[in-house]
Amino acid sequence: MQSKLNKQVANKELSEKLWELGIRVDSLFYHCEDTIYFHEDINLLAADKIPALTSSELGFILANIPDDIEVPASEEYMNICKEAVSMKEEANDRARIVIYLIEQGLVKVDEINKQLN
C-alpha cells in the first residue's frame, strides 16, 4: 500500500519544505520517520510527524490562490509547470508549485493555513 500512497501524497522532502515554510494544516496522512501513516493510525501528538499533503489537498490550495497574482515566467517556474503537466507525480508537482509561490512571496502562508484549518 505504501507505494500507491507515495503517489498520492507529497514526498517527505517536499512535505518538510512546506513545513519549514510554515504550512500548518491537518492532513489525511503524515510522514513519520520513513513511513506514511493515516491520520487515525498515528499518535497525533508525535513530535516528528509532518503532514503528507495529498494531491487533492494541494489542489485545493492552488484552486484558492487569487487569479490576479502575476507569476514571473522564470525558467525555474516553467520547468516546474512542464513537470506538472506530465502528471507523473501529481502531489509532488503541486507541492513544488506551492513552494515556489510561497518563496516568491506571491502567496502568504497564513492565507493557506486559514484555508485548510
PDB file of N, CA and C in Angstrom:
ATOM      1  N   MET A   1       0.808  -1.192   0.000  1.00  0.00           N
ATOM      2  CA  MET A   1       0.000   0.000   0.000  1.00  0.00           C
ATOM      3  C   MET A   1       0.858   1.265   0.000  1.00  0.00           C
ATOM      4  N   GLN A   2       2.034   1.217   0.619  1.00  0.00           N
ATOM      5  CA  GLN A   2       2.886   2.402   0.696  1.00  0.00           C
ATOM      6  C   GLN A   2       3.250   2.935  -0.680  1.00  0.00           C
ATOM      7  N   SER A   3       3.516   2.042  -1.661  1.00  0.00           N
ATOM      8  CA  SER A   3       3.921   2.534  -2.980  1.00  0.00           C
ATOM      9  C   SER A   3       2.785   3.295  -3.665  1.00  0.00           C
ATOM     10  N   LYS A   4       1.548   2.832  -3.534  1.00  0.00           N
ATOM     11  CA  LYS A   4       0.417   3.562  -4.103  1.00  0.00           C
ATOM     12  C   LYS A   4       0.205   4.876  -3.366  1.00  0.00           C
ATOM     13  N   LEU A   5       0.370   4.841  -2.068  1.00  0.00           N
ATOM     14  CA  LEU A   5       0.195   6.035  -1.256  1.00  0.00           C
ATOM     15  C   LEU A   5       1.266   7.068  -1.570  1.00  0.00           C
ATOM     16  N   ASN A   6       2.472   6.617  -1.839  1.00  0.00           N
ATOM     17  CA  ASN A   6       3.559   7.532  -2.199  1.00  0.00           C
ATOM     18  C   ASN A   6       3.219   8.370  -3.423  1.00  0.00           C
ATOM     19  N   LYS A   7       2.376   7.857  -4.296  1.00  0.00           N
ATOM     20  CA  LYS A   7       1.992   8.600  -5.496  1.00  0.00           C
ATOM     21  C   LYS A   7       0.881   9.607  -5.208  1.00  0.00           C
ATOM     22  N   GLN A   8       0.208   9.465  -4.076  1.00  0.00           N
ATOM     23  CA  GLN A   8      -0.932  10.318  -3.760  1.00  0.00           C
ATOM     24  C   GLN A   8      -0.608  11.463  -2.811  1.00  0.00           C
ATOM     25  N   VAL A   9       0.567  11.407  -2.175  1.00  0.00           N
ATOM     26  CA  VAL A   9       0.946  12.456  -1.216  1.00  0.00           C
ATOM     27  C   VAL A   9       2.303  13.036  -1.606  1.00  0.00           C
ATOM     28  N   ALA A  10       2.545  14.260  -1.159  1.00  0.00           N
ATOM     29  CA  ALA A  10       3.852  14.881  -1.390  1.00  0.00           C
ATOM     30  C   ALA A  10       4.919  14.061  -0.656  1.00  0.00           C
ATOM     31  N   ASN A  11       6.068  13.899  -1.286  1.00  0.00           N
ATOM     32  CA  ASN A  11       7.123  13.117  -0.656  1.00  0.00           C
ATOM     33  C   ASN A  11       7.632  13.805   0.619  1.00  0.00           C
ATOM     34  N   LYS A  12       8.419  13.096   1.372  1.00  0.00           N
ATOM     35  CA  LYS A  12       8.867  13.604   2.671  1.00  0.00           C
ATOM     36  C   LYS A  12       9.686  14.887   2.531  1.00  0.00           C
ATOM     37  N   GLU A  13      10.553  14.945   1.540  1.00  0.00           N
ATOM     38  CA  GLU A  13      11.391  16.129   1.336  1.00  0.00           C
ATOM     39  C   GLU A  13      10.541  17.376   1.081  1.00  0.00           C
ATOM     40  N   LEU A  14       9.573  17.263   0.182  1.00  0.00           N
ATOM     41  CA  LEU A  14       8.717  18.402  -0.130  1.00  0.00           C
ATOM     42  C   LEU A  14       7.792  18.740   1.043  1.00  0.00           C
ATOM     43  N   SER A  15       7.325  17.717   1.736  1.00  0.00           N
ATOM     44  CA  SER A  15       6.485  17.941   2.918  1.00  0.00           C
ATOM     45  C   SER A  15       7.266  18.688   3.991  1.00  0.00           C
ATOM     46  N   GLU A  16       8.521  18.301   4.182  1.00  0.00           N
ATOM     47  CA  GLU A  16       9.365  19.001   5.163  1.00  0.00           C
ATOM     48  C   GLU A  16       9.594  20.451   4.752  1.00  0.00           C
ATOM     49  N   LYS A  17       9.756  20.694   3.448  1.00  0.00           N
ATOM     50  CA  LYS A  17       9.940  22.060   2.958  1.00  0.00           C
ATOM     51  C   LYS A  17       8.688  22.905   3.217  1.00  0.00           C
ATOM     52  N   LEU A  18       7.526  22.350   2.944  1.00  0.00           N
ATOM     53  CA  LEU A  18       6.280  23.058   3.225  1.00  0.00           C
ATOM     54  C   LEU A  18       6.165  23.372   4.720  1.00  0.00           C
ATOM     55  N   TRP A  19       6.568  22.423   5.540  1.00  0.00           N
ATOM     56  CA  TRP A  19       6.550  22.607   6.995  1.00  0.00           C
ATOM     57  C   TRP A  19       7.509  23.732   7.401  1.00  0.00           C
ATOM     58  N   GLU A  20       8.724  23.697   6.835  1.00  0.00           N
ATOM     59  CA  GLU A  20       9.724  24.741   7.133  1.00  0.00           C
ATOM     60  C   GLU A  20       9.224  26.123   6.719  1.00  0.00           C
ATOM     61  N   LEU A  21       8.448  26.194   5.647  1.00  0.00           N
ATOM     62  CA  LEU A  21       7.912  27.465   5.176  1.00  0.00           C
ATOM     63  C   LEU A  21       6.742  27.954   6.036  1.00  0.00           C
ATOM     64  N   GLY A  22       6.248  27.076   6.915  1.00  0.00           N
ATOM     65  CA  GLY A  22       5.200  27.485   7.843  1.00  0.00           C
ATOM     66  C   GLY A  22       3.824  26.912   7.588  1.00  0.00           C
ATOM     67  N   ILE A  23       3.699  26.006   6.634  1.00  0.00           N
ATOM     68  CA  ILE A  23       2.393  25.398   6.379  1.00  0.00           C
ATOM     69  C   ILE A  23       2.047  24.503   7.565  1.00  0.00           C
ATOM     70  N   ARG A  24       0.935  24.840   8.230  1.00  0.00           N
ATOM     71  CA  ARG A  24       0.483  24.097   9.409  1.00  0.00           C
ATOM     72  C   ARG A  24      -0.969  23.714   9.197  1.00  0.00           C
ATOM     73  N   VAL A  25      -1.176  22.596   8.532  1.00  0.00           N
ATOM     74  CA  VAL A  25      -2.525  22.140   8.239  1.00  0.00           C
ATOM     75  C   VAL A  25      -2.667  20.676   8.643  1.00  0.00           C
ATOM     76  N   ASP A  26      -3.892  20.300   8.908  1.00  0.00           N
ATOM     77  CA  ASP A  26      -4.178  18.894   9.162  1.00  0.00           C
ATOM     78  C   ASP A  26      -4.292  18.195   7.821  1.00  0.00           C
ATOM     79  N   SER A  27      -3.832  16.967   7.775  1.00  0.00           N
ATOM     80  CA  SER A  27      -3.884  16.197   6.545  1.00  0.00           C
ATOM     81  C   SER A  27      -4.441  14.811   6.851  1.00  0.00           C
ATOM     82  N   LEU A  28      -4.849  14.120   5.806  1.00  0.00           N
ATOM     83  CA  LEU A  28      -5.289  12.737   5.996  1.00  0.00           C
ATOM     84  C   LEU A  28      -4.119  11.818   6.313  1.00  0.00           C
ATOM     85  N   PHE A  29      -2.907  12.222   5.871  1.00  0.00           N
ATOM     86  CA  PHE A  29      -1.729  11.381   6.035  1.00  0.00           C
ATOM     87  C   PHE A  29      -0.575  12.184   6.620  1.00  0.00           C
ATOM     88  N   TYR A  30       0.334  11.458   7.272  1.00  0.00           N
ATOM     89  CA  TYR A  30       1.501  12.085   7.886  1.00  0.00           C
ATOM     90  C   TYR A  30       2.742  11.252   7.623  1.00  0.00           C
ATOM     91  N   HIS A  31       3.854  11.959   7.365  1.00  0.00           N
ATOM     92  CA  HIS A  31       5.162  11.302   7.332  1.00  0.00           C
ATOM     93  C   HIS A  31       5.645  11.223   8.762  1.00  0.00           C
ATOM     94  N   CYS A  32       6.093  10.074   9.163  1.00  0.00           N
ATOM     95  CA  CYS A  32       6.708   9.893  10.474  1.00  0.00           C
ATOM     96  C   CYS A  32       7.842   8.906  10.270  1.00  0.00           C
ATOM     97  N   GLU A  33       9.057   9.402  10.454  1.00  0.00           N
ATOM     98  CA  GLU A  33      10.256   8.650  10.107  1.00  0.00           C
ATOM     99  C   GLU A  33      10.195   8.328   8.619  1.00  0.00           C
ATOM    100  N   ASP A  34      10.239   7.067   8.243  1.00  0.00           N
ATOM    101  CA  ASP A  34      10.247   6.721   6.818  1.00  0.00           C
ATOM    102  C   ASP A  34       8.943   6.088   6.356  1.00  0.00           C
ATOM    103  N   THR A  35       7.875   6.323   7.086  1.00  0.00           N
ATOM    104  CA  THR A  35       6.594   5.707   6.772  1.00  0.00           C
ATOM    105  C   THR A  35       5.512   6.779   6.675  1.00  0.00           C
ATOM    106  N   ILE A  36       4.512   6.506   5.854  1.00  0.00           N
ATOM    107  CA  ILE A  36       3.349   7.381   5.748  1.00  0.00           C
ATOM    108  C   ILE A  36       2.213   6.712   6.511  1.00  0.00           C
ATOM    109  N   TYR A  37       1.602   7.485   7.410  1.00  0.00           N
ATOM    110  CA  TYR A  37       0.525   6.956   8.233  1.00  0.00           C
ATOM    111  C   TYR A  37      -0.774   7.701   7.970  1.00  0.00           C
ATOM    112  N   PHE A  38      -1.889   6.973   8.027  1.00  0.00           N
ATOM    113  CA  PHE A  38      -3.203   7.581   8.005  1.00  0.00           C
ATOM    114  C   PHE A  38      -3.364   8.332   9.322  1.00  0.00           C
ATOM    115  N   HIS A  39      -4.042   9.459   9.300  1.00  0.00           N
ATOM    116  CA  HIS A  39      -4.105  10.318  10.482  1.00  0.00           C
ATOM    117  C   HIS A  39      -4.646   9.601  11.711  1.00  0.00           C
ATOM    118  N   GLU A  40      -5.501   8.599  11.547  1.00  0.00           N
ATOM    119  CA  GLU A  40      -6.029   7.879  12.708  1.00  0.00           C
ATOM    120  C   GLU A  40      -5.065   6.820  13.225  1.00  0.00           C
ATOM    121  N   ASP A  41      -4.061   6.503  12.441  1.00  0.00           N
ATOM    122  CA  ASP A  41      -3.125   5.445  12.821  1.00  0.00           C
ATOM    123  C   ASP A  41      -1.845   5.965  13.441  1.00  0.00           C
ATOM    124  N   ILE A  42      -1.761   7.255  13.646  1.00  0.00           N
ATOM    125  CA  ILE A  42      -0.543   7.836  14.200  1.00  0.00           C
ATOM    126  C   ILE A  42      -0.905   8.601  15.456  1.00  0.00           C
ATOM    127  N   ASN A  43      -0.016   8.583  16.390  1.00  0.00           N
ATOM    128  CA  ASN A  43      -0.212   9.391  17.587  1.00  0.00           C
ATOM    129  C   ASN A  43      -0.111  10.841  17.140  1.00  0.00           C
ATOM    130  N   LEU A  44      -1.234  11.531  17.119  1.00  0.00           N
ATOM    131  CA  LEU A  44      -1.254  12.894  16.591  1.00  0.00           C
ATOM    132  C   LEU A  44      -0.446  13.867  17.426  1.00  0.00           C
ATOM    133  N   LEU A  45       0.039  13.413  18.577  1.00  0.00           N
ATOM    134  CA  LEU A  45       0.900  14.259  19.386  1.00  0.00           C
ATOM    135  C   LEU A  45       2.378  13.994  19.113  1.00  0.00           C
ATOM    136  N   ALA A  46       2.658  13.054  18.214  1.00  0.00           N
ATOM    137  CA  ALA A  46       4.049  12.729  17.890  1.00  0.00           C
ATOM    138  C   ALA A  46       4.766  13.967  17.371  1.00  0.00           C
ATOM    139  N   ALA A  47       5.898  14.248  17.939  1.00  0.00           N
ATOM    140  CA  ALA A  47       6.627  15.479  17.606  1.00  0.00           C
ATOM    141  C   ALA A  47       7.231  15.436  16.200  1.00  0.00           C
ATOM    142  N   ASP A  48       7.515  14.265  15.715  1.00  0.00           N
ATOM    143  CA  ASP A  48       8.223  14.169  14.433  1.00  0.00           C
ATOM    144  C   ASP A  48       7.306  13.885  13.251  1.00  0.00           C
ATOM    145  N   LYS A  49       6.016  14.161  13.393  1.00  0.00           N
ATOM    146  CA  LYS A  49       5.099  13.936  12.274  1.00  0.00           C
ATOM    147  C   LYS A  49       5.029  15.188  11.407  1.00  0.00           C
ATOM    148  N   ILE A  50       5.005  14.979  10.115  1.00  0.00           N
ATOM    149  CA  ILE A  50       4.914  16.074   9.143  1.00  0.00           C
ATOM    150  C   ILE A  50       3.710  15.771   8.252  1.00  0.00           C
ATOM    151  N   PRO A  51       2.801  16.728   8.044  1.00  0.00           N
ATOM    152  CA  PRO A  51       1.678  16.463   7.149  1.00  0.00           C
ATOM    153  C   PRO A  51       2.161  16.054   5.763  1.00  0.00           C
ATOM    154  N   ALA A  52       1.603  14.962   5.263  1.00  0.00           N
ATOM    155  CA  ALA A  52       1.884  14.485   3.901  1.00  0.00           C
ATOM    156  C   ALA A  52       0.679  14.877   3.062  1.00  0.00           C
ATOM    157  N   LEU A  53       0.686  16.106   2.565  1.00  0.00           N
ATOM    158  CA  LEU A  53      -0.476  16.623   1.860  1.00  0.00           C
ATOM    159  C   LEU A  53      -0.764  15.809   0.597  1.00  0.00           C
ATOM    160  N   THR A  54      -2.036  15.516   0.401  1.00  0.00           N
ATOM    161  CA  THR A  54      -2.450  14.762  -0.779  1.00  0.00           C
ATOM    162  C   THR A  54      -2.524  15.683  -1.987  1.00  0.00           C
ATOM    163  N   SER A  55      -2.597  15.079  -3.164  1.00  0.00           N
ATOM    164  CA  SER A  55      -2.741  15.896  -4.371  1.00  0.00           C
ATOM    165  C   SER A  55      -4.037  16.703  -4.305  1.00  0.00           C
ATOM    166  N   SER A  56      -5.083  16.158  -3.692  1.00  0.00           N
ATOM    167  CA  SER A  56      -6.352  16.894  -3.548  1.00  0.00           C
ATOM    168  C   SER A  56      -6.197  18.087  -2.620  1.00  0.00           C
ATOM    169  N   GLU A  57      -5.520  17.891  -1.490  1.00  0.00           N
ATOM    170  CA  GLU A  57      -5.308  18.995  -0.547  1.00  0.00           C
ATOM    171  C   GLU A  57      -4.470  20.103  -1.185  1.00  0.00           C
ATOM    172  N   LEU A  58      -3.441  19.703  -1.918  1.00  0.00           N
ATOM    173  CA  LEU A  58      -2.601  20.683  -2.606  1.00  0.00           C
ATOM    174  C   LEU A  58      -3.371  21.357  -3.738  1.00  0.00           C
ATOM    175  N   GLY A  59      -4.228  20.604  -4.406  1.00  0.00           N
ATOM    176  CA  GLY A  59      -5.068  21.179  -5.450  1.00  0.00           C
ATOM    177  C   GLY A  59      -6.034  22.209  -4.887  1.00  0.00           C
ATOM    178  N   PHE A  60      -6.543  21.961  -3.688  1.00  0.00           N
ATOM    179  CA  PHE A  60      -7.422  22.921  -3.029  1.00  0.00           C
ATOM    180  C   PHE A  60      -6.671  24.216  -2.749  1.00  0.00           C
ATOM    181  N   ILE A  61      -5.437  24.093  -2.292  1.00  0.00           N
ATOM    182  CA  ILE A  61      -4.609  25.285  -2.053  1.00  0.00           C
ATOM    183  C   ILE A  61      -4.453  26.071  -3.349  1.00  0.00           C
ATOM    184  N   LEU A  62      -4.076  25.372  -4.415  1.00  0.00           N
ATOM    185  CA  LEU A  62      -3.844  26.043  -5.694  1.00  0.00           C
ATOM    186  C   LEU A  62      -5.129  26.658  -6.259  1.00  0.00           C
ATOM    187  N   ALA A  63      -6.241  25.976  -6.079  1.00  0.00           N
ATOM    188  CA  ALA A  63      -7.512  26.490  -6.604  1.00  0.00           C
ATOM    189  C   ALA A  63      -7.956  27.753  -5.886  1.00  0.00           C
ATOM    190  N   ASN A  64      -7.468  27.955  -4.668  1.00  0.00           N
ATOM    191  CA  ASN A  64      -7.880  29.115  -3.885  1.00  0.00           C
ATOM    192  C   ASN A  64      -6.875  30.261  -3.912  1.00  0.00           C
ATOM    193  N   ILE A  65      -5.884  30.162  -4.780  1.00  0.00           N
ATOM    194  CA  ILE A  65      -4.944  31.265  -4.958  1.00  0.00           C
ATOM    195  C   ILE A  65      -5.622  32.288  -5.855  1.00  0.00           C
ATOM    196  N   PRO A  66      -5.574  33.554  -5.480  1.00  0.00           N
ATOM    197  CA  PRO A  66      -6.244  34.582  -6.299  1.00  0.00           C
ATOM    198  C   PRO A  66      -5.776  34.545  -7.754  1.00  0.00           C
ATOM    199  N   ASP A  67      -6.711  34.755  -8.641  1.00  0.00           N
ATOM    200  CA  ASP A  67      -6.413  34.721 -10.081  1.00  0.00           C
ATOM    201  C   ASP A  67      -5.551  35.882 -10.547  1.00  0.00           C
ATOM    202  N   ASP A  68      -5.506  36.942  -9.758  1.00  0.00           N
ATOM    203  CA  ASP A  68      -4.825  38.149 -10.224  1.00  0.00           C
ATOM    204  C   ASP A  68      -3.351  38.240  -9.847  1.00  0.00           C
ATOM    205  N   ILE A  69      -2.776  37.168  -9.252  1.00  0.00           N
ATOM    206  CA  ILE A  69      -1.341  37.239  -8.968  1.00  0.00           C
ATOM    207  C   ILE A  69      -0.567  37.089 -10.272  1.00  0.00           C
ATOM    208  N   GLU A  70       0.538  37.774 -10.352  1.00  0.00           N
ATOM    209  CA  GLU A  70       1.381  37.703 -11.544  1.00  0.00           C
ATOM    210  C   GLU A  70       2.618  36.875 -11.222  1.00  0.00           C
ATOM    211  N   VAL A  71       2.685  35.721 -11.826  1.00  0.00           N
ATOM    212  CA  VAL A  71       3.817  34.818 -11.609  1.00  0.00           C
ATOM    213  C   VAL A  71       4.865  35.108 -12.665  1.00  0.00           C
ATOM    214  N   PRO A  72       6.076  35.496 -12.243  1.00  0.00           N
ATOM    215  CA  PRO A  72       7.123  35.757 -13.231  1.00  0.00           C
ATOM    216  C   PRO A  72       7.441  34.491 -14.030  1.00  0.00           C
ATOM    217  N   ALA A  73       7.589  34.633 -15.315  1.00  0.00           N
ATOM    218  CA  ALA A  73       7.841  33.483 -16.190  1.00  0.00           C
ATOM    219  C   ALA A  73       9.319  33.108 -16.158  1.00  0.00           C
ATOM    220  N   SER A  74       9.791  32.700 -14.985  1.00  0.00           N
ATOM    221  CA  SER A  74      11.192  32.305 -14.848  1.00  0.00           C
ATOM    222  C   SER A  74      11.394  30.895 -15.399  1.00  0.00           C
ATOM    223  N   GLU A  75      12.618  30.581 -15.694  1.00  0.00           N
ATOM    224  CA  GLU A  75      12.943  29.235 -16.187  1.00  0.00           C
ATOM    225  C   GLU A  75      12.578  28.190 -15.133  1.00  0.00           C
ATOM    226  N   GLU A  76      12.835  28.497 -13.868  1.00  0.00           N
ATOM    227  CA  GLU A  76      12.512  27.565 -12.782  1.00  0.00           C
ATOM    228  C   GLU A  76      11.011  27.259 -12.756  1.00  0.00           C
ATOM    229  N   TYR A  77      10.195  28.306 -12.830  1.00  0.00           N
ATOM    230  CA  TYR A  77       8.746  28.112 -12.789  1.00  0.00           C
ATOM    231  C   TYR A  77       8.259  27.347 -14.015  1.00  0.00           C
ATOM    232  N   MET A  78       8.811  27.663 -15.166  1.00  0.00           N
ATOM    233  CA  MET A  78       8.421  26.958 -16.386  1.00  0.00           C
ATOM    234  C   MET A  78       8.758  25.471 -16.296  1.00  0.00           C
ATOM    235  N   ASN A  79       9.910  25.143 -15.726  1.00  0.00           N
ATOM    236  CA  ASN A  79      10.287  23.736 -15.556  1.00  0.00           C
ATOM    237  C   ASN A  79       9.339  23.024 -14.590  1.00  0.00           C
ATOM    238  N   ILE A  80       8.966  23.704 -13.518  1.00  0.00           N
ATOM    239  CA  ILE A  80       8.019  23.118 -12.569  1.00  0.00           C
ATOM    240  C   ILE A  80       6.695  22.832 -13.279  1.00  0.00           C
ATOM    241  N   CYS A  81       6.221  23.773 -14.054  1.00  0.00           N
ATOM    242  CA  CYS A  81       4.949  23.617 -14.764  1.00  0.00           C
ATOM    243  C   CYS A  81       5.011  22.510 -15.816  1.00  0.00           C
ATOM    244  N   LYS A  82       6.138  22.394 -16.518  1.00  0.00           N
ATOM    245  CA  LYS A  82       6.285  21.327 -17.511  1.00  0.00           C
ATOM    246  C   LYS A  82       6.176  19.959 -16.845  1.00  0.00           C
ATOM    247  N   GLU A  83       6.823  19.816 -15.692  1.00  0.00           N
ATOM    248  CA  GLU A  83       6.737  18.555 -14.952  1.00  0.00           C
ATOM    249  C   GLU A  83       5.304  18.292 -14.507  1.00  0.00           C
ATOM    250  N   ALA A  84       4.625  19.334 -14.047  1.00  0.00           N
ATOM    251  CA  ALA A  84       3.256  19.181 -13.551  1.00  0.00           C
ATOM    252  C   ALA A  84       2.309  18.717 -14.647  1.00  0.00           C
ATOM    253  N   VAL A  85       2.531  19.175 -15.862  1.00  0.00           N
ATOM    254  CA  VAL A  85       1.665  18.790 -16.975  1.00  0.00           C
ATOM    255  C   VAL A  85       1.774  17.294 -17.255  1.00  0.00           C
ATOM    256  N   SER A  86       2.917  16.709 -16.976  1.00  0.00           N
ATOM    257  CA  SER A  86       3.115  15.282 -17.234  1.00  0.00           C
ATOM    258  C   SER A  86       2.268  14.410 -16.305  1.00  0.00           C
ATOM    259  N   MET A  87       1.872  14.943 -15.147  1.00  0.00           N
ATOM    260  CA  MET A  87       1.035  14.242 -14.169  1.00  0.00           C
ATOM    261  C   MET A  87       1.664  12.940 -13.659  1.00  0.00           C
ATOM    262  N   LYS A  88       2.986  12.814 -13.760  1.00  0.00           N
ATOM    263  CA  LYS A  88       3.649  11.614 -13.271  1.00  0.00           C
ATOM    264  C   LYS A  88       3.684  11.585 -11.749  1.00  0.00           C
ATOM    265  N   GLU A  89       3.901  12.736 -11.141  1.00  0.00           N
ATOM    266  CA  GLU A  89       3.976  12.849  -9.680  1.00  0.00           C
ATOM    267  C   GLU A  89       3.100  14.023  -9.262  1.00  0.00           C
ATOM    268  N   GLU A  90       1.810  13.877  -9.395  1.00  0.00           N
ATOM    269  CA  GLU A  90       0.899  15.000  -9.236  1.00  0.00           C
ATOM    270  C   GLU A  90       1.042  15.704  -7.891  1.00  0.00           C
ATOM    271  N   ALA A  91       1.080  14.946  -6.796  1.00  0.00           N
ATOM    272  CA  ALA A  91       1.190  15.579  -5.477  1.00  0.00           C
ATOM    273  C   ALA A  91       2.508  16.331  -5.350  1.00  0.00           C
ATOM    274  N   ASN A  92       3.596  15.735  -5.791  1.00  0.00           N
ATOM    275  CA  ASN A  92       4.895  16.392  -5.711  1.00  0.00           C
ATOM    276  C   ASN A  92       4.941  17.637  -6.593  1.00  0.00           C
ATOM    277  N   ASP A  93       4.369  17.535  -7.782  1.00  0.00           N
ATOM    278  CA  ASP A  93       4.358  18.689  -8.688  1.00  0.00           C
ATOM    279  C   ASP A  93       3.559  19.837  -8.097  1.00  0.00           C
ATOM    280  N   ARG A  94       2.416  19.521  -7.518  1.00  0.00           N
ATOM    281  CA  ARG A  94       1.605  20.565  -6.889  1.00  0.00           C
ATOM    282  C   ARG A  94       2.336  21.165  -5.694  1.00  0.00           C
ATOM    283  N   ALA A  95       3.014  20.333  -4.929  1.00  0.00           N
ATOM    284  CA  ALA A  95       3.789  20.837  -3.789  1.00  0.00           C
ATOM    285  C   ALA A  95       4.884  21.779  -4.262  1.00  0.00           C
ATOM    286  N   ARG A  96       5.566  21.435  -5.349  1.00  0.00           N
ATOM    287  CA  ARG A  96       6.625  22.300  -5.892  1.00  0.00           C
ATOM    288  C   ARG A  96       6.071  23.658  -6.309  1.00  0.00           C
ATOM    289  N   ILE A  97       4.887  23.666  -6.911  1.00  0.00           N
ATOM    290  CA  ILE A  97       4.278  24.932  -7.313  1.00  0.00           C
ATOM    291  C   ILE A  97       3.941  25.769  -6.090  1.00  0.00           C
ATOM    292  N   VAL A  98       3.340  25.158  -5.067  1.00  0.00           N
ATOM    293  CA  VAL A  98       3.000  25.895  -3.848  1.00  0.00           C
ATOM    294  C   VAL A  98       4.260  26.455  -3.204  1.00  0.00           C
ATOM    295  N   ILE A  99       5.316  25.644  -3.119  1.00  0.00           N
ATOM    296  CA  ILE A  99       6.586  26.093  -2.534  1.00  0.00           C
ATOM    297  C   ILE A  99       7.133  27.285  -3.322  1.00  0.00           C
ATOM    298  N   TYR A 100       7.135  27.180  -4.640  1.00  0.00           N
ATOM    299  CA  TYR A 100       7.639  28.271  -5.476  1.00  0.00           C
ATOM    300  C   TYR A 100       6.861  29.553  -5.216  1.00  0.00           C
ATOM    301  N   LEU A 101       5.544  29.464  -5.193  1.00  0.00           N
ATOM    302  CA  LEU A 101       4.705  30.649  -4.994  1.00  0.00           C
ATOM    303  C   LEU A 101       4.952  31.287  -3.632  1.00  0.00           C
ATOM    304  N   ILE A 102       5.155  30.462  -2.611  1.00  0.00           N
ATOM    305  CA  ILE A 102       5.451  30.986  -1.271  1.00  0.00           C
ATOM    306  C   ILE A 102       6.819  31.657  -1.270  1.00  0.00           C
ATOM    307  N   GLU A 103       7.818  30.964  -1.820  1.00  0.00           N
ATOM    308  CA  GLU A 103       9.180  31.504  -1.803  1.00  0.00           C
ATOM    309  C   GLU A 103       9.302  32.797  -2.601  1.00  0.00           C
ATOM    310  N   GLN A 104       8.472  32.962  -3.609  1.00  0.00           N
ATOM    311  CA  GLN A 104       8.493  34.189  -4.417  1.00  0.00           C
ATOM    312  C   GLN A 104       7.657  35.298  -3.772  1.00  0.00           C
ATOM    313  N   GLY A 105       7.018  34.995  -2.666  1.00  0.00           N
ATOM    314  CA  GLY A 105       6.205  35.982  -1.967  1.00  0.00           C
ATOM    315  C   GLY A 105       4.866  36.258  -2.643  1.00  0.00           C
ATOM    316  N   LEU A 106       4.441  35.355  -3.512  1.00  0.00           N
ATOM    317  CA  LEU A 106       3.195  35.546  -4.245  1.00  0.00           C
ATOM    318  C   LEU A 106       1.979  35.023  -3.479  1.00  0.00           C
ATOM    319  N   VAL A 107       2.235  34.141  -2.529  1.00  0.00           N
ATOM    320  CA  VAL A 107       1.182  33.567  -1.698  1.00  0.00           C
ATOM    321  C   VAL A 107       1.651  33.626  -0.258  1.00  0.00           C
ATOM    322  N   LYS A 108       0.759  33.973   0.629  1.00  0.00           N
ATOM    323  CA  LYS A 108       1.100  34.066   2.052  1.00  0.00           C
ATOM    324  C   LYS A 108       0.726  32.768   2.771  1.00  0.00           C
ATOM    325  N   VAL A 109       1.652  32.298   3.573  1.00  0.00           N
ATOM    326  CA  VAL A 109       1.458  31.057   4.317  1.00  0.00           C
ATOM    327  C   VAL A 109       0.231  31.153   5.217  1.00  0.00           C
ATOM    328  N   ASP A 110       0.040  32.289   5.867  1.00  0.00           N
ATOM    329  CA  ASP A 110      -1.125  32.447   6.751  1.00  0.00           C
ATOM    330  C   ASP A 110      -2.432  32.221   6.004  1.00  0.00           C
ATOM    331  N   GLU A 111      -2.513  32.689   4.773  1.00  0.00           N
ATOM    332  CA  GLU A 111      -3.741  32.511   3.977  1.00  0.00           C
ATOM    333  C   GLU A 111      -3.982  31.028   3.668  1.00  0.00           C
ATOM    334  N   ILE A 112      -2.916  30.309   3.371  1.00  0.00           N
ATOM    335  CA  ILE A 112      -3.045  28.871   3.103  1.00  0.00           C
ATOM    336  C   ILE A 112      -3.495  28.154   4.371  1.00  0.00           C
ATOM    337  N   ASN A 113      -2.873  28.470   5.488  1.00  0.00           N
ATOM    338  CA  ASN A 113      -3.239  27.824   6.750  1.00  0.00           C
ATOM    339  C   ASN A 113      -4.711  28.065   7.096  1.00  0.00           C
ATOM    340  N   LYS A 114      -5.187  29.291   6.855  1.00  0.00           N
ATOM    341  CA  LYS A 114      -6.598  29.592   7.137  1.00  0.00           C
ATOM    342  C   LYS A 114      -7.528  28.795   6.234  1.00  0.00           C
ATOM    343  N   GLN A 115      -7.140  28.613   4.980  1.00  0.00           N
ATOM    344  CA  GLN A 115      -7.984  27.866   4.031  1.00  0.00           C
ATOM    345  C   GLN A 115      -8.208  26.434   4.479  1.00  0.00           C
ATOM    346  N   LEU A 116      -7.182  25.830   5.008  1.00  0.00           N
ATOM    347  CA  LEU A 116      -7.243  24.386   5.282  1.00  0.00           C
ATOM    348  C   LEU A 116      -7.485  24.030   6.739  1.00  0.00           C
ATOM    349  N   ASN A 117      -7.610  25.013   7.595  1.00  0.00           N
ATOM    350  CA  ASN A 117      -7.863  24.704   9.011  1.00  0.00           C
ATOM    351  C   ASN A 117      -9.215  25.189   9.440  1.00  0.00           C
TER     352      ASN A 117
END
